Full PDB file with SEQRES, HELIX, SHEET, SSBOND, CRYST1, ORIGX, SCALE, CONECT and MASTER records, all heavy atoms in Angstrom:
SEQRES   1 A   40  ALA LYS GLY VAL ASP VAL ASP SER ASP ALA PHE THR LEU          
SEQRES   2 A   40  ASN GLY SER TYR ARG PHE SER GLN ALA GLN ASN ASP ALA          
SEQRES   3 A   40  VAL LEU ALA LEU HIS ALA MET GLU THR ALA ALA TYR SER          
SEQRES   4 A   40  LEU                                                          
HELIX    1 AA1 SER A   16  SER A   39  1                                  24    
CRYST1    1.000    1.000    1.000  90.00  90.00  90.00 P 1           1          
ORIGX1      1.000000  0.000000  0.000000        0.00000                         
ORIGX2      0.000000  1.000000  0.000000        0.00000                         
ORIGX3      0.000000  0.000000  1.000000        0.00000                         
SCALE1      1.000000  0.000000  0.000000        0.00000                         
SCALE2      0.000000  1.000000  0.000000        0.00000                         
SCALE3      0.000000  0.000000  1.000000        0.00000                         
ATOM      1  N   ALA A   1      11.947  10.977   8.375  1.00  0.00           N  
ATOM      2  CA  ALA A   1      13.437  11.045   8.405  1.00  0.00           C  
ATOM      3  C   ALA A   1      13.969  12.057   7.411  1.00  0.00           C  
ATOM      4  O   ALA A   1      15.085  12.556   7.583  1.00  0.00           O  
ATOM      5  CB  ALA A   1      14.032   9.655   8.180  1.00  0.00           C  
ATOM      6  N   LYS A   2      13.143  12.346   6.410  1.00  0.00           N  
ATOM      7  CA  LYS A   2      13.497  13.370   5.368  1.00  0.00           C  
ATOM      8  C   LYS A   2      12.947  14.716   5.712  1.00  0.00           C  
ATOM      9  O   LYS A   2      13.058  15.617   4.891  1.00  0.00           O  
ATOM     10  CB  LYS A   2      13.002  12.921   4.025  1.00  0.00           C  
ATOM     11  CG  LYS A   2      13.748  11.724   3.410  1.00  0.00           C  
ATOM     12  CD  LYS A   2      15.170  12.120   3.035  1.00  0.00           C  
ATOM     13  CE  LYS A   2      15.854  11.008   2.314  1.00  0.00           C  
ATOM     14  NZ  LYS A   2      17.223  11.425   1.862  1.00  0.00           N  
ATOM     15  N   GLY A   3      12.395  14.893   6.888  1.00  0.00           N  
ATOM     16  CA  GLY A   3      11.939  16.178   7.365  1.00  0.00           C  
ATOM     17  C   GLY A   3      10.467  16.481   7.137  1.00  0.00           C  
ATOM     18  O   GLY A   3      10.031  17.623   7.401  1.00  0.00           O  
ATOM     19  N   VAL A   4       9.680  15.491   6.671  1.00  0.00           N  
ATOM     20  CA  VAL A   4       8.271  15.715   6.437  1.00  0.00           C  
ATOM     21  C   VAL A   4       7.522  15.648   7.778  1.00  0.00           C  
ATOM     22  O   VAL A   4       7.773  14.724   8.581  1.00  0.00           O  
ATOM     23  CB  VAL A   4       7.698  14.648   5.487  1.00  0.00           C  
ATOM     24  CG1 VAL A   4       6.144  14.792   5.388  1.00  0.00           C  
ATOM     25  CG2 VAL A   4       8.352  14.786   4.123  1.00  0.00           C  
ATOM     26  N   ASP A   5       6.612  16.596   8.037  1.00  0.00           N  
ATOM     27  CA  ASP A   5       5.816  16.569   9.243  1.00  0.00           C  
ATOM     28  C   ASP A   5       4.607  15.670   8.982  1.00  0.00           C  
ATOM     29  O   ASP A   5       3.596  16.083   8.366  1.00  0.00           O  
ATOM     30  CB  ASP A   5       5.356  18.011   9.598  1.00  0.00           C  
ATOM     31  CG  ASP A   5       4.550  18.057  10.871  1.00  0.00           C  
ATOM     32  OD1 ASP A   5       4.287  16.966  11.467  1.00  0.00           O  
ATOM     33  OD2 ASP A   5       4.134  19.164  11.293  1.00  0.00           O  
ATOM     34  N   VAL A   6       4.723  14.429   9.393  1.00  0.00           N  
ATOM     35  CA  VAL A   6       3.662  13.437   9.090  1.00  0.00           C  
ATOM     36  C   VAL A   6       2.459  13.626  10.011  1.00  0.00           C  
ATOM     37  O   VAL A   6       1.421  12.895   9.819  1.00  0.00           O  
ATOM     38  CB  VAL A   6       4.209  11.993   9.259  1.00  0.00           C  
ATOM     39  CG1 VAL A   6       5.354  11.764   8.304  1.00  0.00           C  
ATOM     40  CG2 VAL A   6       4.631  11.749  10.659  1.00  0.00           C  
ATOM     41  N   ASP A   7       2.484  14.570  10.918  1.00  0.00           N  
ATOM     42  CA  ASP A   7       1.278  14.870  11.782  1.00  0.00           C  
ATOM     43  C   ASP A   7       0.566  16.070  11.302  1.00  0.00           C  
ATOM     44  O   ASP A   7      -0.405  16.497  11.924  1.00  0.00           O  
ATOM     45  CB  ASP A   7       1.750  15.029  13.212  1.00  0.00           C  
ATOM     46  CG  ASP A   7       2.279  13.759  13.836  1.00  0.00           C  
ATOM     47  OD1 ASP A   7       1.718  12.707  13.568  1.00  0.00           O  
ATOM     48  OD2 ASP A   7       3.253  13.858  14.570  1.00  0.00           O  
ATOM     49  N   SER A   8       0.983  16.657  10.186  1.00  0.00           N  
ATOM     50  CA  SER A   8       0.346  17.873   9.672  1.00  0.00           C  
ATOM     51  C   SER A   8      -0.634  17.504   8.538  1.00  0.00           C  
ATOM     52  O   SER A   8      -0.662  16.412   8.023  1.00  0.00           O  
ATOM     53  CB  SER A   8       1.429  18.809   9.074  1.00  0.00           C  
ATOM     54  OG  SER A   8       1.942  18.309   7.850  1.00  0.00           O  
ATOM     55  N   ASP A   9      -1.483  18.497   8.168  1.00  0.00           N  
ATOM     56  CA  ASP A   9      -2.429  18.325   7.106  1.00  0.00           C  
ATOM     57  C   ASP A   9      -1.745  18.171   5.770  1.00  0.00           C  
ATOM     58  O   ASP A   9      -2.359  17.750   4.794  1.00  0.00           O  
ATOM     59  CB  ASP A   9      -3.410  19.486   7.053  1.00  0.00           C  
ATOM     60  CG  ASP A   9      -4.434  19.463   8.199  1.00  0.00           C  
ATOM     61  OD1 ASP A   9      -4.637  18.327   8.780  1.00  0.00           O  
ATOM     62  OD2 ASP A   9      -5.032  20.470   8.507  1.00  0.00           O  
ATOM     63  N   ALA A  10      -0.483  18.530   5.701  1.00  0.00           N  
ATOM     64  CA  ALA A  10       0.274  18.380   4.434  1.00  0.00           C  
ATOM     65  C   ALA A  10       0.561  16.930   4.110  1.00  0.00           C  
ATOM     66  O   ALA A  10       0.828  16.559   2.968  1.00  0.00           O  
ATOM     67  CB  ALA A  10       1.589  19.185   4.478  1.00  0.00           C  
ATOM     68  N   PHE A  11       0.479  16.079   5.130  1.00  0.00           N  
ATOM     69  CA  PHE A  11       0.796  14.642   4.947  1.00  0.00           C  
ATOM     70  C   PHE A  11      -0.428  13.969   4.326  1.00  0.00           C  
ATOM     71  O   PHE A  11      -1.515  14.037   4.844  1.00  0.00           O  
ATOM     72  CB  PHE A  11       1.117  14.007   6.341  1.00  0.00           C  
ATOM     73  CG  PHE A  11       1.409  12.527   6.298  1.00  0.00           C  
ATOM     74  CD1 PHE A  11       2.543  12.065   5.723  1.00  0.00           C  
ATOM     75  CD2 PHE A  11       0.526  11.634   6.863  1.00  0.00           C  
ATOM     76  CE1 PHE A  11       2.821  10.710   5.660  1.00  0.00           C  
ATOM     77  CE2 PHE A  11       0.826  10.270   6.805  1.00  0.00           C  
ATOM     78  CZ  PHE A  11       1.971   9.824   6.228  1.00  0.00           C  
ATOM     79  N   THR A  12      -0.213  13.348   3.164  1.00  0.00           N  
ATOM     80  CA  THR A  12      -1.303  12.806   2.412  1.00  0.00           C  
ATOM     81  C   THR A  12      -1.262  11.257   2.226  1.00  0.00           C  
ATOM     82  O   THR A  12      -2.197  10.665   1.617  1.00  0.00           O  
ATOM     83  CB  THR A  12      -1.410  13.429   1.009  1.00  0.00           C  
ATOM     84  OG1 THR A  12      -0.186  13.208   0.309  1.00  0.00           O  
ATOM     85  CG2 THR A  12      -1.706  14.926   1.088  1.00  0.00           C  
ATOM     86  N   LEU A  13      -0.251  10.624   2.776  1.00  0.00           N  
ATOM     87  CA  LEU A  13      -0.230   9.163   2.655  1.00  0.00           C  
ATOM     88  C   LEU A  13      -1.294   8.432   3.480  1.00  0.00           C  
ATOM     89  O   LEU A  13      -1.515   7.293   3.321  1.00  0.00           O  
ATOM     90  CB  LEU A  13       1.143   8.617   3.071  1.00  0.00           C  
ATOM     91  CG  LEU A  13       2.335   8.983   2.180  1.00  0.00           C  
ATOM     92  CD1 LEU A  13       3.613   8.368   2.701  1.00  0.00           C  
ATOM     93  CD2 LEU A  13       2.082   8.507   0.735  1.00  0.00           C  
ATOM     94  N   ASN A  14      -1.960   9.257   4.281  1.00  0.00           N  
ATOM     95  CA  ASN A  14      -3.059   8.680   5.161  1.00  0.00           C  
ATOM     96  C   ASN A  14      -4.406   8.978   4.601  1.00  0.00           C  
ATOM     97  O   ASN A  14      -5.462   8.715   5.248  1.00  0.00           O  
ATOM     98  CB  ASN A  14      -2.986   9.178   6.594  1.00  0.00           C  
ATOM     99  CG  ASN A  14      -3.111  10.683   6.696  1.00  0.00           C  
ATOM    100  OD1 ASN A  14      -3.038  11.383   5.684  1.00  0.00           O  
ATOM    101  ND2 ASN A  14      -3.375  11.165   7.868  1.00  0.00           N  
ATOM    102  N   GLY A  15      -4.479   9.484   3.334  1.00  0.00           N  
ATOM    103  CA  GLY A  15      -5.774   9.825   2.738  1.00  0.00           C  
ATOM    104  C   GLY A  15      -6.397   8.605   2.039  1.00  0.00           C  
ATOM    105  O   GLY A  15      -5.879   7.518   1.941  1.00  0.00           O  
ATOM    106  N   SER A  16      -7.632   8.836   1.554  1.00  0.00           N  
ATOM    107  CA  SER A  16      -8.410   7.758   0.954  1.00  0.00           C  
ATOM    108  C   SER A  16      -7.794   7.183  -0.298  1.00  0.00           C  
ATOM    109  O   SER A  16      -7.879   5.983  -0.560  1.00  0.00           O  
ATOM    110  CB  SER A  16      -9.836   8.244   0.677  1.00  0.00           C  
ATOM    111  OG  SER A  16      -9.843   9.327  -0.259  1.00  0.00           O  
ATOM    112  N   TYR A  17      -7.162   8.024  -1.105  1.00  0.00           N  
ATOM    113  CA  TYR A  17      -6.543   7.511  -2.332  1.00  0.00           C  
ATOM    114  C   TYR A  17      -5.427   6.563  -2.048  1.00  0.00           C  
ATOM    115  O   TYR A  17      -5.405   5.480  -2.595  1.00  0.00           O  
ATOM    116  CB  TYR A  17      -6.049   8.669  -3.195  1.00  0.00           C  
ATOM    117  CG  TYR A  17      -5.348   8.256  -4.470  1.00  0.00           C  
ATOM    118  CD1 TYR A  17      -6.093   7.798  -5.531  1.00  0.00           C  
ATOM    119  CD2 TYR A  17      -3.959   8.221  -4.575  1.00  0.00           C  
ATOM    120  CE1 TYR A  17      -5.497   7.370  -6.743  1.00  0.00           C  
ATOM    121  CE2 TYR A  17      -3.329   7.814  -5.760  1.00  0.00           C  
ATOM    122  CZ  TYR A  17      -4.106   7.395  -6.792  1.00  0.00           C  
ATOM    123  OH  TYR A  17      -3.509   6.942  -7.957  1.00  0.00           O  
ATOM    124  N   ARG A  18      -4.526   6.934  -1.143  1.00  0.00           N  
ATOM    125  CA  ARG A  18      -3.424   6.019  -0.819  1.00  0.00           C  
ATOM    126  C   ARG A  18      -3.911   4.804  -0.108  1.00  0.00           C  
ATOM    127  O   ARG A  18      -3.370   3.682  -0.257  1.00  0.00           O  
ATOM    128  CB  ARG A  18      -2.339   6.764  -0.004  1.00  0.00           C  
ATOM    129  CG  ARG A  18      -1.522   7.706  -0.789  1.00  0.00           C  
ATOM    130  CD  ARG A  18      -0.365   7.138  -1.597  1.00  0.00           C  
ATOM    131  NE  ARG A  18      -0.309   5.784  -2.000  1.00  0.00           N  
ATOM    132  CZ  ARG A  18      -0.263   5.366  -3.269  1.00  0.00           C  
ATOM    133  NH1 ARG A  18      -0.316   6.237  -4.225  1.00  0.00           N  
ATOM    134  NH2 ARG A  18      -0.161   4.124  -3.558  1.00  0.00           N  
ATOM    135  N   PHE A  19      -4.972   4.928   0.735  1.00  0.00           N  
ATOM    136  CA  PHE A  19      -5.545   3.793   1.451  1.00  0.00           C  
ATOM    137  C   PHE A  19      -5.998   2.769   0.427  1.00  0.00           C  
ATOM    138  O   PHE A  19      -5.715   1.587   0.508  1.00  0.00           O  
ATOM    139  CB  PHE A  19      -6.667   4.253   2.328  1.00  0.00           C  
ATOM    140  CG  PHE A  19      -7.267   3.135   3.155  1.00  0.00           C  
ATOM    141  CD1 PHE A  19      -6.833   2.954   4.470  1.00  0.00           C  
ATOM    142  CD2 PHE A  19      -8.293   2.338   2.702  1.00  0.00           C  
ATOM    143  CE1 PHE A  19      -7.383   1.943   5.256  1.00  0.00           C  
ATOM    144  CE2 PHE A  19      -8.853   1.353   3.507  1.00  0.00           C  
ATOM    145  CZ  PHE A  19      -8.388   1.133   4.772  1.00  0.00           C  
ATOM    146  N   SER A  20      -6.696   3.266  -0.601  1.00  0.00           N  
ATOM    147  CA  SER A  20      -7.209   2.378  -1.624  1.00  0.00           C  
ATOM    148  C   SER A  20      -6.142   1.775  -2.509  1.00  0.00           C  
ATOM    149  O   SER A  20      -6.114   0.583  -2.753  1.00  0.00           O  
ATOM    150  CB  SER A  20      -8.185   3.207  -2.554  1.00  0.00           C  
ATOM    151  OG  SER A  20      -8.630   2.434  -3.650  1.00  0.00           O  
ATOM    152  N   GLN A  21      -5.153   2.577  -2.881  1.00  0.00           N  
ATOM    153  CA  GLN A  21      -4.049   2.075  -3.711  1.00  0.00           C  
ATOM    154  C   GLN A  21      -3.174   1.080  -2.942  1.00  0.00           C  
ATOM    155  O   GLN A  21      -2.707   0.081  -3.488  1.00  0.00           O  
ATOM    156  CB  GLN A  21      -3.232   3.209  -4.281  1.00  0.00           C  
ATOM    157  CG  GLN A  21      -3.959   4.092  -5.253  1.00  0.00           C  
ATOM    158  CD  GLN A  21      -4.289   3.352  -6.558  1.00  0.00           C  
ATOM    159  OE1 GLN A  21      -5.140   2.478  -6.596  1.00  0.00           O  
ATOM    160  NE2 GLN A  21      -3.583   3.702  -7.641  1.00  0.00           N  
ATOM    161  N   ALA A  22      -2.911   1.379  -1.674  1.00  0.00           N  
ATOM    162  CA  ALA A  22      -2.085   0.455  -0.898  1.00  0.00           C  
ATOM    163  C   ALA A  22      -2.805  -0.853  -0.664  1.00  0.00           C  
ATOM    164  O   ALA A  22      -2.218  -1.906  -0.695  1.00  0.00           O  
ATOM    165  CB  ALA A  22      -1.750   1.102   0.480  1.00  0.00           C  
ATOM    166  N   GLN A  23      -4.136  -0.815  -0.522  1.00  0.00           N  
ATOM    167  CA  GLN A  23      -4.925  -2.024  -0.417  1.00  0.00           C  
ATOM    168  C   GLN A  23      -4.856  -2.770  -1.703  1.00  0.00           C  
ATOM    169  O   GLN A  23      -4.657  -4.044  -1.661  1.00  0.00           O  
ATOM    170  CB  GLN A  23      -6.386  -1.613  -0.083  1.00  0.00           C  
ATOM    171  CG  GLN A  23      -7.292  -2.828   0.193  1.00  0.00           C  
ATOM    172  CD  GLN A  23      -8.681  -2.404   0.552  1.00  0.00           C  
ATOM    173  OE1 GLN A  23      -9.281  -1.549  -0.100  1.00  0.00           O  
ATOM    174  NE2 GLN A  23      -9.220  -2.971   1.615  1.00  0.00           N  
ATOM    175  N   ASN A  24      -4.911  -2.080  -2.828  1.00  0.00           N  
ATOM    176  CA  ASN A  24      -4.767  -2.796  -4.136  1.00  0.00           C  
ATOM    177  C   ASN A  24      -3.390  -3.464  -4.252  1.00  0.00           C  
ATOM    178  O   ASN A  24      -3.348  -4.647  -4.704  1.00  0.00           O  
ATOM    179  CB  ASN A  24      -4.927  -1.782  -5.243  1.00  0.00           C  
ATOM    180  CG  ASN A  24      -6.336  -1.265  -5.431  1.00  0.00           C  
ATOM    181  OD1 ASN A  24      -7.326  -1.812  -4.926  1.00  0.00           O  
ATOM    182  ND2 ASN A  24      -6.486  -0.114  -6.105  1.00  0.00           N  
ATOM    183  N   ASP A  25      -2.396  -2.754  -3.808  1.00  0.00           N  
ATOM    184  CA  ASP A  25      -1.054  -3.352  -3.887  1.00  0.00           C  
ATOM    185  C   ASP A  25      -0.906  -4.624  -3.081  1.00  0.00           C  
ATOM    186  O   ASP A  25      -0.280  -5.597  -3.486  1.00  0.00           O  
ATOM    187  CB  ASP A  25       0.025  -2.320  -3.434  1.00  0.00           C  
ATOM    188  CG  ASP A  25       0.275  -1.263  -4.452  1.00  0.00           C  
ATOM    189  OD1 ASP A  25      -0.303  -1.309  -5.556  1.00  0.00           O  
ATOM    190  OD2 ASP A  25       1.123  -0.346  -4.147  1.00  0.00           O  
ATOM    191  N   ALA A  26      -1.533  -4.588  -1.873  1.00  0.00           N  
ATOM    192  CA  ALA A  26      -1.465  -5.778  -1.009  1.00  0.00           C  
ATOM    193  C   ALA A  26      -2.187  -6.948  -1.655  1.00  0.00           C  
ATOM    194  O   ALA A  26      -1.716  -8.079  -1.589  1.00  0.00           O  
ATOM    195  CB  ALA A  26      -2.101  -5.443   0.395  1.00  0.00           C  
ATOM    196  N   VAL A  27      -3.310  -6.666  -2.256  1.00  0.00           N  
ATOM    197  CA  VAL A  27      -4.108  -7.761  -2.935  1.00  0.00           C  
ATOM    198  C   VAL A  27      -3.297  -8.306  -4.134  1.00  0.00           C  
ATOM    199  O   VAL A  27      -3.278  -9.537  -4.306  1.00  0.00           O  
ATOM    200  CB  VAL A  27      -5.484  -7.242  -3.358  1.00  0.00           C  
ATOM    201  CG1 VAL A  27      -6.190  -8.281  -4.221  1.00  0.00           C  
ATOM    202  CG2 VAL A  27      -6.334  -6.884  -2.125  1.00  0.00           C  
ATOM    203  N   LEU A  28      -2.668  -7.393  -4.886  1.00  0.00           N  
ATOM    204  CA  LEU A  28      -1.876  -7.893  -6.039  1.00  0.00           C  
ATOM    205  C   LEU A  28      -0.734  -8.802  -5.547  1.00  0.00           C  
ATOM    206  O   LEU A  28      -0.423  -9.796  -6.235  1.00  0.00           O  
ATOM    207  CB  LEU A  28      -1.334  -6.691  -6.825  1.00  0.00           C  
ATOM    208  CG  LEU A  28      -2.381  -5.877  -7.593  1.00  0.00           C  
ATOM    209  CD1 LEU A  28      -1.767  -4.561  -8.137  1.00  0.00           C  
ATOM    210  CD2 LEU A  28      -2.990  -6.689  -8.755  1.00  0.00           C  
ATOM    211  N   ALA A  29      -0.077  -8.370  -4.509  1.00  0.00           N  
ATOM    212  CA  ALA A  29       1.029  -9.154  -3.970  1.00  0.00           C  
ATOM    213  C   ALA A  29       0.541 -10.536  -3.485  1.00  0.00           C  
ATOM    214  O   ALA A  29       1.166 -11.570  -3.723  1.00  0.00           O  
ATOM    215  CB  ALA A  29       1.754  -8.435  -2.861  1.00  0.00           C  
ATOM    216  N   LEU A  30      -0.605 -10.512  -2.794  1.00  0.00           N  
ATOM    217  CA  LEU A  30      -1.156 -11.772  -2.274  1.00  0.00           C  
ATOM    218  C   LEU A  30      -1.500 -12.672  -3.433  1.00  0.00           C  
ATOM    219  O   LEU A  30      -1.216 -13.896  -3.384  1.00  0.00           O  
ATOM    220  CB  LEU A  30      -2.375 -11.469  -1.409  1.00  0.00           C  
ATOM    221  CG  LEU A  30      -3.132 -12.708  -0.834  1.00  0.00           C  
ATOM    222  CD1 LEU A  30      -3.743 -12.318   0.522  1.00  0.00           C  
ATOM    223  CD2 LEU A  30      -4.237 -13.181  -1.785  1.00  0.00           C  
ATOM    224  N   HIS A  31      -2.131 -12.127  -4.480  1.00  0.00           N  
ATOM    225  CA  HIS A  31      -2.582 -12.925  -5.604  1.00  0.00           C  
ATOM    226  C   HIS A  31      -1.328 -13.557  -6.349  1.00  0.00           C  
ATOM    227  O   HIS A  31      -1.387 -14.706  -6.797  1.00  0.00           O  
ATOM    228  CB  HIS A  31      -3.383 -12.167  -6.588  1.00  0.00           C  
ATOM    229  CG  HIS A  31      -3.824 -12.908  -7.797  1.00  0.00           C  
ATOM    230  ND1 HIS A  31      -4.568 -14.060  -7.704  1.00  0.00           N  
ATOM    231  CD2 HIS A  31      -3.624 -12.718  -9.100  1.00  0.00           C  
ATOM    232  CE1 HIS A  31      -4.841 -14.530  -8.905  1.00  0.00           C  
ATOM    233  NE2 HIS A  31      -4.213 -13.706  -9.761  1.00  0.00           N  
ATOM    234  N   ALA A  32      -0.259 -12.748  -6.460  1.00  0.00           N  
ATOM    235  CA  ALA A  32       0.947 -13.294  -7.079  1.00  0.00           C  
ATOM    236  C   ALA A  32       1.500 -14.468  -6.277  1.00  0.00           C  
ATOM    237  O   ALA A  32       1.895 -15.515  -6.816  1.00  0.00           O  
ATOM    238  CB  ALA A  32       2.002 -12.190  -7.178  1.00  0.00           C  
ATOM    239  N   MET A  33       1.517 -14.305  -4.942  1.00  0.00           N  
ATOM    240  CA  MET A  33       1.987 -15.420  -4.093  1.00  0.00           C  
ATOM    241  C   MET A  33       1.094 -16.663  -4.213  1.00  0.00           C  
ATOM    242  O   MET A  33       1.559 -17.771  -4.313  1.00  0.00           O  
ATOM    243  CB  MET A  33       2.028 -14.965  -2.641  1.00  0.00           C  
ATOM    244  CG  MET A  33       2.510 -16.051  -1.660  1.00  0.00           C  
ATOM    245  SD  MET A  33       2.509 -15.544   0.071  1.00  0.00           S  
ATOM    246  CE  MET A  33       4.126 -14.673   0.113  1.00  0.00           C  
ATOM    247  N   GLU A  34      -0.224 -16.396  -4.239  1.00  0.00           N  
ATOM    248  CA  GLU A  34      -1.163 -17.500  -4.346  1.00  0.00           C  
ATOM    249  C   GLU A  34      -0.963 -18.276  -5.631  1.00  0.00           C  
ATOM    250  O   GLU A  34      -0.888 -19.528  -5.639  1.00  0.00           O  
ATOM    251  CB  GLU A  34      -2.581 -16.950  -4.270  1.00  0.00           C  
ATOM    252  CG  GLU A  34      -3.635 -18.052  -4.299  1.00  0.00           C  
ATOM    253  CD  GLU A  34      -4.999 -17.584  -4.778  1.00  0.00           C  
ATOM    254  OE1 GLU A  34      -5.034 -16.599  -5.552  1.00  0.00           O  
ATOM    255  OE2 GLU A  34      -6.020 -18.141  -4.389  1.00  0.00           O  
ATOM    256  N   THR A  35      -0.817 -17.548  -6.743  1.00  0.00           N  
ATOM    257  CA  THR A  35      -0.659 -18.197  -8.015  1.00  0.00           C  
ATOM    258  C   THR A  35       0.659 -19.028  -8.080  1.00  0.00           C  
ATOM    259  O   THR A  35       0.683 -20.159  -8.593  1.00  0.00           O  
ATOM    260  CB  THR A  35      -0.690 -17.158  -9.167  1.00  0.00           C  
ATOM    261  OG1 THR A  35      -1.923 -16.454  -9.123  1.00  0.00           O  
ATOM    262  CG2 THR A  35      -0.509 -17.815 -10.541  1.00  0.00           C  
ATOM    263  N   ALA A  36       1.696 -18.439  -7.549  1.00  0.00           N  
ATOM    264  CA  ALA A  36       2.958 -19.157  -7.495  1.00  0.00           C  
ATOM    265  C   ALA A  36       2.856 -20.415  -6.664  1.00  0.00           C  
ATOM    266  O   ALA A  36       3.393 -21.481  -7.052  1.00  0.00           O  
ATOM    267  CB  ALA A  36       4.072 -18.222  -6.904  1.00  0.00           C  
ATOM    268  N   ALA A  37       2.137 -20.345  -5.550  1.00  0.00           N  
ATOM    269  CA  ALA A  37       1.977 -21.509  -4.695  1.00  0.00           C  
ATOM    270  C   ALA A  37       1.218 -22.624  -5.456  1.00  0.00           C  
ATOM    271  O   ALA A  37       1.610 -23.771  -5.399  1.00  0.00           O  
ATOM    272  CB  ALA A  37       1.225 -21.140  -3.396  1.00  0.00           C  
ATOM    273  N   TYR A  38       0.163 -22.238  -6.159  1.00  0.00           N  
ATOM    274  CA  TYR A  38      -0.585 -23.244  -6.941  1.00  0.00           C  
ATOM    275  C   TYR A  38       0.308 -23.857  -8.007  1.00  0.00           C  
ATOM    276  O   TYR A  38       0.202 -25.037  -8.312  1.00  0.00           O  
ATOM    277  CB  TYR A  38      -1.825 -22.609  -7.569  1.00  0.00           C  
ATOM    278  CG  TYR A  38      -2.978 -22.463  -6.614  1.00  0.00           C  
ATOM    279  CD1 TYR A  38      -3.531 -21.222  -6.326  1.00  0.00           C  
ATOM    280  CD2 TYR A  38      -3.596 -23.560  -6.070  1.00  0.00           C  
ATOM    281  CE1 TYR A  38      -4.596 -21.089  -5.461  1.00  0.00           C  
ATOM    282  CE2 TYR A  38      -4.665 -23.467  -5.204  1.00  0.00           C  
ATOM    283  CZ  TYR A  38      -5.158 -22.217  -4.892  1.00  0.00           C  
ATOM    284  OH  TYR A  38      -6.207 -22.100  -4.053  1.00  0.00           O  
ATOM    285  N   SER A  39       1.151 -23.047  -8.617  1.00  0.00           N  
ATOM    286  CA  SER A  39       2.025 -23.557  -9.675  1.00  0.00           C  
ATOM    287  C   SER A  39       2.966 -24.608  -9.181  1.00  0.00           C  
ATOM    288  O   SER A  39       3.534 -25.407  -9.924  1.00  0.00           O  
ATOM    289  CB  SER A  39       2.756 -22.399 -10.354  1.00  0.00           C  
ATOM    290  OG  SER A  39       3.838 -21.961  -9.565  1.00  0.00           O  
ATOM    291  N   LEU A  40       3.262 -24.564  -7.850  1.00  0.00           N  
ATOM    292  CA  LEU A  40       4.161 -25.536  -7.226  1.00  0.00           C  
ATOM    293  C   LEU A  40       3.444 -26.765  -6.694  1.00  0.00           C  
ATOM    294  O   LEU A  40       4.073 -27.596  -6.050  1.00  0.00           O  
ATOM    295  CB  LEU A  40       4.962 -24.847  -6.105  1.00  0.00           C  
ATOM    296  CG  LEU A  40       5.894 -23.733  -6.500  1.00  0.00           C  
ATOM    297  CD1 LEU A  40       6.452 -22.981  -5.318  1.00  0.00           C  
ATOM    298  CD2 LEU A  40       7.022 -24.224  -7.431  1.00  0.00           C  
TER     299      LEU A  40                                                      
MASTER        0    0    0    1    0    0    0    6  298    1    0    4          
END                                                                             
C-alpha cells in the first residue's frame, strides 16, 4: 500500500532472517499468554 513491489527481489520480509525473527516473536507471544494463563 506504500508502493513497495512485494513480488520483486527487493522485498526482504520473506527472507530467512525475518522468517526466523517472526517465528521467535510468535513463540514469545505464546509463552507470555501461557504464563498469564497459569498465573490465573
